[in-house]
Amino acid sequence: MVFFLQVCTSAQTKLFTKTGTISFFSKTNIENISARNNKVLAVWEPLSGKIEFSVLMKGFEFEKALMQEHFNEDYVESDKYPKATLKAVIENSNSILLTTDKTHSVKVNGTLTMHGVTKPISTIATIKVKDGIASATAVLPVLLADYNIKIPAVVADNINKKIDISINIPAFKSL
């Protein structure tokens, strides 16, 4: 029986989700800025560790419509740069067994492409396996200047130069 479970786990070459969430938060002196996108596509190959995320920039929802408009038109230029992608490798991903309930802290290295700029990233993620289903969370601190996202001088003091991008995948499914 154990052999059968290991073969089934190895046979799963790709897992995916279309319902992941990416959100970001920026603390400022005037008001905090946060947005959420609940339509994140992610594909993970547990054996190789390769993982990719894709998110449409216009899918981010803000509390205030004006913030959303400025985000899309002035900062990330969503018409010109419609999506962001994360391509990475999870170290020792092949040691994560989908048949064993366990929480794994893993190192993730790769590249984030946003606003037409690709930069290397490295972070620690948490992958939790419960009842044969894997979920994942991670936080990426990002400097806006690294992605050529310019902040007008008039509001420069109102927007933090660094944002935290939070990734939450509640459940990967077999592809």
C-alpha atoms as a PDB file:
ATOM      1  CA  MET A   1       0.000   0.000   0.000  1.00  0.00           C
ATOM      2  CA  VAL A   2       2.838   2.433   0.830  1.00  0.00           C
ATOM      3  CA  PHE A   3       4.444   1.711  -2.551  1.00  0.00           C
ATOM      4  CA  PHE A   4       1.141   2.495  -4.309  1.00  0.00           C
ATOM      5  CA  LEU A   5       0.833   5.867  -2.518  1.00  0.00           C
ATOM      6  CA  GLN A   6       4.389   6.839  -3.428  1.00  0.00           C
ATOM      7  CA  VAL A   7       3.802   5.962  -7.089  1.00  0.00           C
ATOM      8  CA  CYS A   8       0.588   8.052  -7.135  1.00  0.00           C
ATOM      9  CA  THR A   9       2.391  11.022  -5.586  1.00  0.00           C
ATOM     10  CA  SER A  10       5.222  10.744  -8.111  1.00  0.00           C
ATOM     11  CA  ALA A  11       2.758  10.487 -10.982  1.00  0.00           C
ATOM     12  CA  GLN A  12       1.284  13.916 -10.200  1.00  0.00           C
ATOM     13  CA  THR A  13       3.453  16.027 -12.442  1.00  0.00           C
ATOM     14  CA  LYS A  14       1.575  19.323 -12.102  1.00  0.00           C
ATOM     15  CA  LEU A  15      -0.757  20.948  -9.615  1.00  0.00           C
ATOM     16  CA  PHE A  16      -2.638  24.175 -10.277  1.00  0.00           C
ATOM     17  CA  THR A  17      -5.111  26.744  -9.018  1.00  0.00           C
ATOM     18  CA  LYS A  18      -7.112  29.549 -10.603  1.00  0.00           C
ATOM     19  CA  THR A  19      -8.325  30.873  -7.269  1.00  0.00           C
ATOM     20  CA  GLY A  20      -5.146  31.970  -5.557  1.00  0.00           C
ATOM     21  CA  THR A  21      -4.936  35.398  -3.955  1.00  0.00           C
ATOM     22  CA  ILE A  22      -2.220  38.007  -4.252  1.00  0.00           C
ATOM     23  CA  SER A  23      -2.524  41.108  -2.143  1.00  0.00           C
ATOM     24  CA  PHE A  24      -0.240  43.955  -1.268  1.00  0.00           C
ATOM     25  CA  PHE A  25       0.046  46.406   1.540  1.00  0.00           C
ATOM     26  CA  SER A  26       1.873  49.701   1.905  1.00  0.00           C
ATOM     27  CA  LYS A  27       1.909  51.543   5.218  1.00  0.00           C
ATOM     28  CA  THR A  28       2.027  55.324   4.911  1.00  0.00           C
ATOM     29  CA  ASN A  29       1.752  58.326   7.188  1.00  0.00           C
ATOM     30  CA  ILE A  30      -1.463  59.552   5.548  1.00  0.00           C
ATOM     31  CA  GLU A  31      -3.326  56.303   4.850  1.00  0.00           C
ATOM     32  CA  ASN A  32      -2.509  52.676   4.247  1.00  0.00           C
ATOM     33  CA  ILE A  33      -2.842  51.298   0.744  1.00  0.00           C
ATOM     34  CA  SER A  34      -3.952  47.740   0.133  1.00  0.00           C
ATOM     35  CA  ALA A  35      -5.380  45.749  -2.739  1.00  0.00           C
ATOM     36  CA  ARG A  36      -6.358  42.153  -3.454  1.00  0.00           C
ATOM     37  CA  ASN A  37      -6.618  40.002  -6.579  1.00  0.00           C
ATOM     38  CA  ASN A  38      -8.514  36.710  -6.141  1.00  0.00           C
ATOM     39  CA  LYS A  39      -7.987  35.398  -9.673  1.00  0.00           C
ATOM     40  CA  VAL A  40      -4.393  34.246  -9.541  1.00  0.00           C
ATOM     41  CA  LEU A  41      -3.287  31.389 -11.770  1.00  0.00           C
ATOM     42  CA  ALA A  42      -0.523  29.190 -10.348  1.00  0.00           C
ATOM     43  CA  VAL A  43       1.066  25.955 -11.579  1.00  0.00           C
ATOM     44  CA  TRP A  44       3.443  23.853  -9.452  1.00  0.00           C
ATOM     45  CA  GLU A  45       5.477  20.814 -10.483  1.00  0.00           C
ATOM     46  CA  PRO A  46       6.275  19.165  -7.111  1.00  0.00           C
ATOM     47  CA  LEU A  47       8.969  16.850  -8.499  1.00  0.00           C
ATOM     48  CA  SER A  48      11.054  19.599 -10.160  1.00  0.00           C
ATOM     49  CA  GLY A  49       9.998  22.367  -7.769  1.00  0.00           C
ATOM     50  CA  LYS A  50       9.090  24.708 -10.618  1.00  0.00           C
ATOM     51  CA  ILE A  51       6.271  27.085  -9.761  1.00  0.00           C
ATOM     52  CA  GLU A  52       4.728  29.888 -11.814  1.00  0.00           C
ATOM     53  CA  PHE A  53       2.178  32.563 -10.970  1.00  0.00           C
ATOM     54  CA  SER A  54       0.362  34.904 -13.324  1.00  0.00           C
ATOM     55  CA  VAL A  55      -1.875  37.787 -12.309  1.00  0.00           C
ATOM     56  CA  LEU A  56      -3.728  40.425 -14.318  1.00  0.00           C
ATOM     57  CA  MET A  57      -2.920  43.862 -12.912  1.00  0.00           C
ATOM     58  CA  LYS A  58      -6.444  45.174 -13.547  1.00  0.00           C
ATOM     59  CA  GLY A  59      -7.727  42.406 -11.284  1.00  0.00           C
ATOM     60  CA  PHE A  60      -6.510  44.176  -8.135  1.00  0.00           C
ATOM     61  CA  GLU A  61      -9.378  45.627  -6.155  1.00  0.00           C
ATOM     62  CA  PHE A  62      -8.926  48.597  -3.814  1.00  0.00           C
ATOM     63  CA  GLU A  63     -11.163  49.997  -1.098  1.00  0.00           C
ATOM     64  CA  LYS A  64     -11.312  53.303  -2.968  1.00  0.00           C
ATOM     65  CA  ALA A  65     -12.069  53.478  -6.692  1.00  0.00           C
ATOM     66  CA  LEU A  66      -9.727  56.456  -7.137  1.00  0.00           C
ATOM     67  CA  MET A  67      -6.796  54.435  -5.743  1.00  0.00           C
ATOM     68  CA  GLN A  68      -7.579  51.651  -8.196  1.00  0.00           C
ATOM     69  CA  GLU A  69      -7.700  54.122 -11.080  1.00  0.00           C
ATOM     70  CA  HIS A  70      -4.340  55.703 -10.122  1.00  0.00           C
ATOM     71  CA  PHE A  71      -2.792  52.250  -9.626  1.00  0.00           C
ATOM     72  CA  ASN A  72      -3.787  51.087 -13.123  1.00  0.00           C
ATOM     73  CA  GLU A  73      -3.229  54.328 -15.043  1.00  0.00           C
ATOM     74  CA  ASP A  74      -0.360  56.096 -13.280  1.00  0.00           C
ATOM     75  CA  TYR A  75       1.729  53.515 -11.455  1.00  0.00           C
ATOM     76  CA  VAL A  76       1.665  50.042 -13.021  1.00  0.00           C
ATOM     77  CA  GLU A  77       0.290  51.207 -16.401  1.00  0.00           C
ATOM     78  CA  SER A  78      -1.949  48.151 -16.729  1.00  0.00           C
ATOM     79  CA  ASP A  79      -2.804  48.787 -20.393  1.00  0.00           C
ATOM     80  CA  LYS A  80       0.891  48.715 -21.302  1.00  0.00           C
ATOM     81  CA  TYR A  81       1.905  46.006 -18.772  1.00  0.00           C
ATOM     82  CA  PRO A  82      -1.257  43.913 -18.273  1.00  0.00           C
ATOM     83  CA  LYS A  83       0.152  41.155 -16.080  1.00  0.00           C
ATOM     84  CA  ALA A  84       2.811  40.241 -13.569  1.00  0.00           C
ATOM     85  CA  THR A  85       4.471  36.833 -13.394  1.00  0.00           C
ATOM     86  CA  LEU A  86       6.538  34.972 -10.862  1.00  0.00           C
ATOM     87  CA  LYS A  87       8.662  32.072 -12.077  1.00  0.00           C
ATOM     88  CA  ALA A  88      10.562  30.244  -9.385  1.00  0.00           C
ATOM     89  CA  VAL A  89      11.860  26.982  -8.006  1.00  0.00           C
ATOM     90  CA  ILE A  90      10.976  25.614  -4.590  1.00  0.00           C
ATOM     91  CA  GLU A  91      14.083  24.021  -3.064  1.00  0.00           C
ATOM     92  CA  ASN A  92      13.637  20.353  -2.083  1.00  0.00           C
ATOM     93  CA  SER A  93      10.086  20.378  -3.430  1.00  0.00           C
ATOM     94  CA  ASN A  94      10.401  16.691  -4.298  1.00  0.00           C
ATOM     95  CA  SER A  95      10.595  15.855  -0.581  1.00  0.00           C
ATOM     96  CA  ILE A  96       7.065  17.199   0.027  1.00  0.00           C
ATOM     97  CA  LEU A  97       4.753  14.211   0.146  1.00  0.00           C
ATOM     98  CA  LEU A  98       1.124  14.935  -0.640  1.00  0.00           C
ATOM     99  CA  THR A  99       0.185  11.813   1.314  1.00  0.00           C
ATOM    100  CA  THR A 100       1.569  13.104   4.633  1.00  0.00           C
ATOM    101  CA  ASP A 101      -0.007  15.921   6.639  1.00  0.00           C
ATOM    102  CA  LYS A 102       2.819  18.323   7.404  1.00  0.00           C
ATOM    103  CA  THR A 103       3.790  21.994   7.229  1.00  0.00           C
ATOM    104  CA  HIS A 104       6.975  22.734   5.277  1.00  0.00           C
ATOM    105  CA  SER A 105       9.058  25.908   5.366  1.00  0.00           C
ATOM    106  CA  VAL A 106      10.769  26.126   1.976  1.00  0.00           C
ATOM    107  CA  LYS A 107      13.135  28.486   0.204  1.00  0.00           C
ATOM    108  CA  VAL A 108      11.893  29.878  -3.115  1.00  0.00           C
ATOM    109  CA  ASN A 109      14.202  31.464  -5.707  1.00  0.00           C
ATOM    110  CA  GLY A 110      13.238  32.875  -9.062  1.00  0.00           C
ATOM    111  CA  THR A 111      12.219  36.003 -10.935  1.00  0.00           C
ATOM    112  CA  LEU A 112       9.358  38.454 -10.631  1.00  0.00           C
ATOM    113  CA  THR A 113       8.315  40.321 -13.774  1.00  0.00           C
ATOM    114  CA  MET A 114       6.225  43.415 -13.232  1.00  0.00           C
ATOM    115  CA  HIS A 115       5.872  46.705 -15.117  1.00  0.00           C
ATOM    116  CA  GLY A 116       8.120  45.317 -17.869  1.00  0.00           C
ATOM    117  CA  VAL A 117      11.037  44.627 -15.492  1.00  0.00           C
ATOM    118  CA  THR A 118      12.315  41.212 -14.405  1.00  0.00           C
ATOM    119  CA  LYS A 119      14.254  40.955 -11.138  1.00  0.00           C
ATOM    120  CA  PRO A 120      15.491  38.025  -9.051  1.00  0.00           C
ATOM    121  CA  ILE A 121      13.541  37.196  -5.892  1.00  0.00           C
ATOM    122  CA  SER A 122      14.190  34.964  -2.935  1.00  0.00           C
ATOM    123  CA  THR A 123      11.832  34.276  -0.051  1.00  0.00           C
ATOM    124  CA  ILE A 124      10.661  31.664   2.407  1.00  0.00           C
ATOM    125  CA  ALA A 125       7.262  30.086   1.735  1.00  0.00           C
ATOM    126  CA  THR A 126       5.063  27.820   3.795  1.00  0.00           C
ATOM    127  CA  ILE A 127       3.525  24.788   2.128  1.00  0.00           C
ATOM    128  CA  LYS A 128       0.965  22.933   4.193  1.00  0.00           C
ATOM    129  CA  VAL A 129      -0.293  19.479   3.257  1.00  0.00           C
ATOM    130  CA  LYS A 130      -3.563  18.399   4.882  1.00  0.00           C
ATOM    131  CA  ASP A 131      -5.667  15.462   3.730  1.00  0.00           C
ATOM    132  CA  GLY A 132      -3.737  15.200   0.461  1.00  0.00           C
ATOM    133  CA  ILE A 133      -4.239  18.867  -0.484  1.00  0.00           C
ATOM    134  CA  ALA A 134      -1.360  21.343  -0.595  1.00  0.00           C
ATOM    135  CA  SER A 135      -1.754  25.027   0.207  1.00  0.00           C
ATOM    136  CA  ALA A 136       0.928  27.711   0.142  1.00  0.00           C
ATOM    137  CA  THR A 137       1.687  31.177   1.493  1.00  0.00           C
ATOM    138  CA  ALA A 138       4.583  33.587   1.033  1.00  0.00           C
ATOM    139  CA  VAL A 139       5.449  37.265   1.346  1.00  0.00           C
ATOM    140  CA  LEU A 140       7.676  39.152  -1.097  1.00  0.00           C
ATOM    141  CA  PRO A 141       9.029  42.556  -0.064  1.00  0.00           C
ATOM    142  CA  VAL A 142       9.368  44.649  -3.244  1.00  0.00           C
ATOM    143  CA  LEU A 143      10.933  48.055  -3.855  1.00  0.00           C
ATOM    144  CA  LEU A 144       8.840  49.986  -6.380  1.00  0.00           C
ATOM    145  CA  ALA A 145      11.951  51.628  -7.868  1.00  0.00           C
ATOM    146  CA  ASP A 146      13.336  48.181  -8.777  1.00  0.00           C
ATOM    147  CA  TYR A 147      10.418  47.825 -11.205  1.00  0.00           C
ATOM    148  CA  ASN A 148      10.566  51.391 -12.550  1.00  0.00           C
ATOM    149  CA  ILE A 149       7.295  52.270 -10.826  1.00  0.00           C
ATOM    150  CA  LYS A 150       7.556  56.002 -10.365  1.00  0.00           C
ATOM    151  CA  ILE A 151       5.813  57.911  -7.615  1.00  0.00           C
ATOM    152  CA  PRO A 152       5.001  61.556  -8.423  1.00  0.00           C
ATOM    153  CA  ALA A 153       6.743  64.049  -6.109  1.00  0.00           C
ATOM    154  CA  VAL A 154       3.370  65.495  -5.058  1.00  0.00           C
ATOM    155  CA  VAL A 155       2.394  62.202  -3.340  1.00  0.00           C
ATOM    156  CA  ALA A 156       5.865  60.788  -2.655  1.00  0.00           C
ATOM    157  CA  ASP A 157       5.431  61.140   1.107  1.00  0.00           C
ATOM    158  CA  ASN A 158       2.049  59.384   0.974  1.00  0.00           C
ATOM    159  CA  ILE A 159       3.264  56.153  -0.653  1.00  0.00           C
ATOM    160  CA  ASN A 160       5.779  53.768   0.833  1.00  0.00           C
ATOM    161  CA  LYS A 161       8.698  52.943  -1.463  1.00  0.00           C
ATOM    162  CA  LYS A 162       8.494  49.283  -0.402  1.00  0.00           C
ATOM    163  CA  ILE A 163       5.413  47.069  -0.558  1.00  0.00           C
ATOM    164  CA  ASP A 164       4.805  43.597   0.799  1.00  0.00           C
ATOM    165  CA  ILE A 165       3.219  41.251  -1.734  1.00  0.00           C
ATOM    166  CA  SER A 166       1.381  38.383  -0.030  1.00  0.00           C
ATOM    167  CA  ILE A 167       0.643  35.165  -1.900  1.00  0.00           C
ATOM    168  CA  ASN A 168      -2.013  32.750  -0.678  1.00  0.00           C
ATOM    169  CA  ILE A 169      -2.920  29.543  -2.477  1.00  0.00           C
ATOM    170  CA  PRO A 170      -5.685  27.830  -0.475  1.00  0.00           C
ATOM    171  CA  ALA A 171      -5.587  24.579  -2.485  1.00  0.00           C
ATOM    172  CA  PHE A 172      -3.616  23.176  -5.403  1.00  0.00           C
ATOM    173  CA  LYS A 173      -5.518  20.685  -7.577  1.00  0.00           C
ATOM    174  CA  SER A 174      -4.259  18.019  -9.970  1.00  0.00           C
ATOM    175  CA  LEU A 175      -3.865  19.191 -13.550  1.00  0.00           C
END
